[in-house]
Amino acid sequence: MREKTIKEEVQFSGISLHKGKISNLKLKPLPENSGIVFQYRNHKIPLSPNVVVNTNMATSIGNGEVEIFTIEHLMSAVWSLGISNLLVEMDSVEPPILDGSSIQFLEKIEDVGVVEQESRRPIFIIEKEITIREGDRYVSISPNREGKFSIYSKIDFANRAIGVQEFSIDIDLDSYRKEIAPARTFGFLQDFERLKSQGLALGANLDNVIAVGESEIVNPEGLRFQNEFVRHKILDTIGDLSIIGVDFVANYRAFASSHKLNHKLIQKLLSDKSNYRVEYS
């Protein structure tokens, strides 16, 4: 597979989830071997695991002078399209949340088109099982002998509106578009005031978040999937893993995954080159 960029500039605008401010974002093509570069004002941050600075409620990156929040939904869509080189130009420190999923990012980028470049995109072939645990929560990555990137995720919430959910999927662009990209982020009404007091979820509303009451879904339109919550966990996972900038041949499994656990998994994976081998298809 070759590296890719977009054919032409594409723009997004809307409220940001945590900062609650209008955010205007432009995606622009970059030459091969440029990577994904976030730009806020005169600050450019080339995306890599080394620039992740915060994993509380979202994945955020920074350079010591500026922090860019909540990149995982955008990056989930970008990764699914195989895009290696992209300038993400922002006038705010957080992308627009749009509808709380990644489908609008995906569809609008597809509308302008993606173009192949000369350089080949690396593939990480996972060679060893790696697991990160925190209590009964875990995330793991292990070899896949069928040449696929397979994800299994499970969640278990006491809230009856969610309960136990699990989902397994072999990830490619078609399966991502149909089964993962439409899944929206979610939050609990009982947590809203606490999050606001921490400067979080200031832009959350029923147009961009699944709001969960004591035992019911508050959104009048209901859910897009019966197990939309765990599907969104997979969307987030893909956004988190995309920071490495490679494709994967691997099995990923998780129970109650989080941005924090995913980032720890990335760090452990990259700490020993015998954990994976790199191929170029």
Protein backbone atom coordinates (compact mmCIF):
# COMPACT_ATOMS: atom_id res chain seq x y z
CA MET A 1 0.00 0.00 0.00
CA ARG A 2 1.29 3.44 -0.89
CA GLU A 3 1.14 6.61 1.14
CA LYS A 4 -1.84 8.85 0.46
CA THR A 5 -2.93 12.43 0.88
CA ILE A 6 -6.09 14.32 -0.04
CA LYS A 7 -6.64 15.73 -3.53
CA GLU A 8 -7.62 19.18 -2.33
CA GLU A 9 -8.41 21.21 0.76
CA VAL A 10 -11.47 20.31 2.83
CA GLN A 11 -13.00 22.37 5.63
CA PHE A 12 -15.02 21.61 8.76
CA SER A 13 -16.67 23.96 11.21
CA GLY A 14 -18.67 23.51 14.39
CA ILE A 15 -18.61 23.55 18.16
CA SER A 16 -15.85 21.68 19.99
CA LEU A 17 -16.84 19.06 22.55
CA HIS A 18 -14.80 20.00 25.60
CA LYS A 19 -13.88 23.65 25.03
CA GLY A 20 -17.36 24.53 23.77
CA LYS A 21 -16.08 27.03 21.20
CA ILE A 22 -16.65 27.30 17.46
CA SER A 23 -13.77 25.58 15.70
CA ASN A 24 -12.78 25.94 12.06
CA LEU A 25 -10.53 23.25 10.67
CA LYS A 26 -8.88 22.90 7.27
CA LEU A 27 -7.30 19.72 5.95
CA LYS A 28 -4.66 20.30 3.29
CA PRO A 29 -2.55 17.95 1.15
CA LEU A 30 1.10 17.36 2.03
CA PRO A 31 3.93 15.73 0.04
CA GLU A 32 4.92 12.14 0.69
CA ASN A 33 6.91 11.37 3.85
CA SER A 34 5.51 14.48 5.56
CA GLY A 35 3.29 12.66 8.05
CA ILE A 36 0.27 14.15 9.79
CA VAL A 37 0.98 17.68 11.00
CA PHE A 38 -1.33 19.69 13.26
CA GLN A 39 -1.02 23.46 13.07
CA TYR A 40 -2.55 25.96 15.47
CA ARG A 41 -1.51 29.53 14.70
CA ASN A 42 2.28 29.41 14.33
CA HIS A 43 2.64 26.11 16.19
CA LYS A 44 3.21 22.98 14.12
CA ILE A 45 3.04 19.59 15.84
CA PRO A 46 4.03 16.54 13.75
CA LEU A 47 1.88 13.68 15.02
CA SER A 48 3.62 10.84 16.84
CA PRO A 49 3.24 8.99 20.15
CA ASN A 50 5.89 11.32 21.61
CA VAL A 51 3.60 14.36 21.45
CA VAL A 52 0.67 12.81 23.37
CA VAL A 53 0.37 14.89 26.53
CA ASN A 54 -3.08 14.07 27.93
CA THR A 55 -5.39 11.05 27.79
CA ASN A 56 -8.09 12.19 30.22
CA MET A 57 -11.48 11.88 28.46
CA ALA A 58 -9.75 12.31 25.07
CA THR A 59 -6.38 12.09 23.35
CA SER A 60 -4.54 15.39 23.26
CA ILE A 61 -1.16 16.38 21.83
CA GLY A 62 1.20 19.25 22.57
CA ASN A 63 4.64 20.77 22.12
CA GLY A 64 5.19 22.39 25.52
CA GLU A 65 3.65 25.68 24.40
CA VAL A 66 0.25 24.67 23.06
CA GLU A 67 -2.05 21.68 23.57
CA ILE A 68 -4.48 20.39 20.93
CA PHE A 69 -7.37 18.43 22.38
CA THR A 70 -9.59 15.54 21.26
CA ILE A 71 -7.97 14.46 18.01
CA GLU A 72 -9.16 10.84 18.04
CA HIS A 73 -12.37 11.12 15.98
CA LEU A 74 -10.68 13.00 13.16
CA MET A 75 -7.67 10.68 13.25
CA SER A 76 -9.86 7.59 13.27
CA ALA A 77 -11.38 8.69 9.96
CA VAL A 78 -8.02 9.76 8.51
CA TRP A 79 -6.45 6.40 9.37
CA SER A 80 -9.34 4.42 7.89
CA LEU A 81 -8.73 6.16 4.55
CA GLY A 82 -5.05 5.23 4.62
CA ILE A 83 -3.94 8.86 4.66
CA SER A 84 -0.29 9.28 5.65
CA ASN A 85 0.38 12.93 4.80
CA LEU A 86 -1.93 15.73 5.89
CA LEU A 87 -1.84 19.24 7.30
CA VAL A 88 -4.53 19.84 9.93
CA GLU A 89 -4.84 23.61 10.16
CA MET A 90 -6.92 24.87 13.10
CA ASP A 91 -8.06 28.22 14.47
CA SER A 92 -8.95 26.63 17.81
CA VAL A 93 -7.23 24.10 20.07
CA GLU A 94 -9.88 21.42 19.51
CA PRO A 95 -11.49 20.07 16.32
CA PRO A 96 -15.26 20.42 15.90
CA ILE A 97 -17.12 17.47 17.37
CA LEU A 98 -19.66 17.48 14.49
CA ASP A 99 -22.22 14.74 15.30
CA GLY A 100 -20.02 12.96 17.85
CA SER A 101 -18.89 10.23 15.47
CA SER A 102 -16.35 10.20 12.63
CA ILE A 103 -18.76 9.69 9.73
CA GLN A 104 -18.88 13.35 8.67
CA PHE A 105 -15.08 13.57 8.62
CA LEU A 106 -14.94 10.37 6.58
CA GLU A 107 -17.59 11.28 4.04
CA LYS A 108 -16.40 14.82 3.40
CA ILE A 109 -12.80 13.67 2.89
CA GLU A 110 -14.03 10.97 0.52
CA ASP A 111 -15.99 13.62 -1.38
CA VAL A 112 -12.83 15.60 -2.21
CA GLY A 113 -10.90 12.40 -2.85
CA VAL A 114 -7.71 10.70 -1.75
CA VAL A 115 -4.65 10.32 -3.98
CA GLU A 116 -1.83 7.78 -3.83
CA GLN A 117 1.79 8.90 -3.60
CA GLU A 118 5.05 7.16 -4.46
CA SER A 119 6.34 6.13 -1.03
CA ARG A 120 5.04 2.94 0.54
CA ARG A 121 3.13 3.00 3.81
CA PRO A 122 4.57 0.81 6.60
CA ILE A 123 2.64 -2.10 8.07
CA PHE A 124 3.28 -3.28 11.62
CA ILE A 125 3.08 -7.07 11.78
CA ILE A 126 2.63 -7.81 15.48
CA GLU A 127 4.92 -10.63 16.63
CA LYS A 128 4.23 -10.85 20.37
CA GLU A 129 1.23 -10.46 22.64
CA ILE A 130 1.31 -7.31 24.73
CA THR A 131 -1.24 -6.54 27.44
CA ILE A 132 -1.84 -3.52 29.63
CA ARG A 133 -4.03 -4.02 32.71
CA GLU A 134 -5.62 -1.67 35.20
CA GLY A 135 -7.76 -3.58 37.68
CA ASP A 136 -10.16 -5.68 35.61
CA ARG A 137 -9.72 -3.41 32.58
CA TYR A 138 -7.28 -4.38 29.87
CA VAL A 139 -6.15 -3.74 26.32
CA SER A 140 -3.99 -6.15 24.34
CA ILE A 141 -2.47 -6.60 20.92
CA SER A 142 -1.28 -9.92 19.53
CA PRO A 143 -0.33 -11.63 16.25
CA ASN A 144 -2.95 -12.21 13.57
CA ARG A 145 -2.02 -15.10 11.27
CA GLU A 146 -4.62 -14.23 8.62
CA GLY A 147 -3.15 -10.90 7.55
CA LYS A 148 -6.00 -8.90 9.10
CA PHE A 149 -6.49 -6.16 11.65
CA SER A 150 -9.16 -7.60 13.94
CA ILE A 151 -10.65 -5.75 16.89
CA TYR A 152 -12.73 -7.14 19.75
CA SER A 153 -14.02 -4.79 22.43
CA LYS A 154 -16.28 -5.30 25.43
CA ILE A 155 -17.81 -2.93 27.98
CA ASP A 156 -19.90 -3.49 31.10
CA PHE A 157 -21.81 -0.59 32.63
CA ALA A 158 -24.16 -0.82 35.60
CA ASN A 159 -26.46 1.63 33.81
CA ARG A 160 -29.24 -0.43 32.21
CA ALA A 161 -29.30 1.75 29.10
CA ILE A 162 -25.86 0.35 28.23
CA GLY A 163 -25.21 -2.83 30.20
CA VAL A 164 -22.85 -5.40 28.70
CA GLN A 165 -21.92 -4.86 25.06
CA GLU A 166 -19.30 -6.47 22.85
CA PHE A 167 -18.37 -6.24 19.20
CA SER A 168 -15.82 -7.90 16.94
CA ILE A 169 -14.79 -6.69 13.51
CA ASP A 170 -12.11 -7.10 10.85
CA ILE A 171 -11.19 -3.53 9.98
CA ASP A 172 -11.07 -2.30 6.41
CA LEU A 173 -12.49 0.86 4.88
CA ASP A 174 -15.87 -0.66 4.03
CA SER A 175 -16.42 -2.25 7.45
CA TYR A 176 -15.24 0.91 9.19
CA ARG A 177 -17.58 3.11 7.16
CA LYS A 178 -20.64 0.93 7.78
CA GLU A 179 -20.09 -0.42 11.28
CA ILE A 180 -17.84 1.98 13.20
CA ALA A 181 -17.76 5.51 11.76
CA PRO A 182 -21.44 6.35 12.58
CA ALA A 183 -21.08 5.42 16.28
CA ARG A 184 -21.30 8.50 18.51
CA THR A 185 -19.58 9.43 21.71
CA PHE A 186 -21.65 9.22 24.89
CA GLY A 187 -21.93 10.66 28.37
CA PHE A 188 -24.00 10.41 31.53
CA LEU A 189 -26.34 13.19 32.65
CA GLN A 190 -25.27 12.66 36.25
CA ASP A 191 -21.67 13.57 35.31
CA PHE A 192 -22.43 16.68 33.28
CA GLU A 193 -22.13 19.34 35.99
CA ARG A 194 -18.96 17.77 37.39
CA LEU A 195 -17.35 17.70 33.94
CA LYS A 196 -18.34 21.32 33.27
CA SER A 197 -16.72 22.36 36.55
CA GLN A 198 -13.50 20.76 35.25
CA GLY A 199 -13.71 22.63 31.96
CA LEU A 200 -14.87 19.54 30.06
CA ALA A 201 -17.95 18.77 27.93
CA LEU A 202 -18.72 22.49 27.56
CA GLY A 203 -19.93 21.92 23.99
CA ALA A 204 -21.87 18.73 24.63
CA ASN A 205 -25.50 18.63 23.49
CA LEU A 206 -28.00 16.16 22.06
CA ASP A 207 -26.73 16.84 18.54
CA ASN A 208 -23.24 15.53 19.29
CA VAL A 209 -23.43 13.18 22.28
CA ILE A 210 -25.57 10.21 23.26
CA ALA A 211 -26.93 11.39 26.61
CA VAL A 212 -27.59 8.58 29.08
CA GLY A 213 -30.02 9.10 31.95
CA GLU A 214 -30.53 6.82 34.94
CA SER A 215 -31.78 3.99 32.74
CA GLU A 216 -32.69 5.55 29.41
CA ILE A 217 -31.32 7.20 26.29
CA VAL A 218 -32.30 10.87 26.34
CA ASN A 219 -31.77 11.59 22.63
CA PRO A 220 -35.20 11.54 20.93
CA GLU A 221 -33.86 9.73 17.85
CA GLY A 222 -32.44 6.91 19.97
CA LEU A 223 -29.42 4.86 18.93
CA ARG A 224 -27.90 4.18 15.53
CA PHE A 225 -26.89 0.67 16.64
CA GLN A 226 -28.13 -1.38 19.58
CA ASN A 227 -24.49 -1.60 20.72
CA GLU A 228 -23.44 1.88 19.59
CA PHE A 229 -21.49 2.45 22.80
CA VAL A 230 -18.96 -0.33 22.31
CA ARG A 231 -18.68 0.51 18.61
CA HIS A 232 -17.65 4.02 19.59
CA LYS A 233 -14.99 2.52 21.85
CA ILE A 234 -13.58 0.86 18.72
CA LEU A 235 -13.72 4.17 16.83
CA ASP A 236 -11.70 5.77 19.62
CA THR A 237 -9.24 2.88 19.69
CA ILE A 238 -8.51 3.26 15.99
CA GLY A 239 -7.99 6.99 16.49
CA ASP A 240 -5.58 6.32 19.33
CA LEU A 241 -3.56 3.66 17.48
CA SER A 242 -3.43 5.81 14.34
CA ILE A 243 -0.89 8.04 16.06
CA ILE A 244 1.84 5.52 15.21
CA GLY A 245 1.25 6.25 11.51
CA VAL A 246 1.15 2.67 10.24
CA ASP A 247 -1.26 -0.04 9.18
CA PHE A 248 -1.59 -3.13 11.37
CA VAL A 249 -1.72 -6.87 11.02
CA ALA A 250 -2.86 -7.70 14.53
CA ASN A 251 -5.56 -8.77 16.93
CA TYR A 252 -6.62 -6.06 19.36
CA ARG A 253 -8.77 -7.08 22.34
CA ALA A 254 -10.07 -4.93 25.16
CA PHE A 255 -12.37 -4.79 28.13
CA ALA A 256 -13.30 -1.26 29.20
CA SER A 257 -10.66 0.34 27.01
CA SER A 258 -9.61 3.96 27.47
CA HIS A 259 -7.36 6.51 25.81
CA LYS A 260 -4.95 6.11 28.72
CA LEU A 261 -4.70 2.32 28.34
CA ASN A 262 -4.36 2.57 24.57
CA HIS A 263 -1.48 5.03 24.88
CA LYS A 264 0.27 2.79 27.40
CA LEU A 265 -0.15 -0.08 24.94
CA ILE A 266 1.46 2.00 22.19
CA GLN A 267 4.38 2.88 24.45
CA LYS A 268 4.97 -0.74 25.41
CA LEU A 269 4.65 -1.93 21.80
CA LEU A 270 7.24 0.58 20.57
CA SER A 271 9.62 0.00 23.48
CA ASP A 272 10.95 -3.24 21.95
CA LYS A 273 11.36 -3.67 18.19
CA SER A 274 11.05 -7.44 18.57
CA ASN A 275 7.36 -6.88 19.36
CA TYR A 276 6.69 -6.25 15.66
CA ARG A 277 8.23 -6.31 12.24
CA VAL A 278 7.74 -3.69 9.57
CA GLU A 279 6.73 -4.59 6.05
CA TYR A 280 5.84 -2.55 2.98
CA SER A 281 3.22 -4.12 0.75
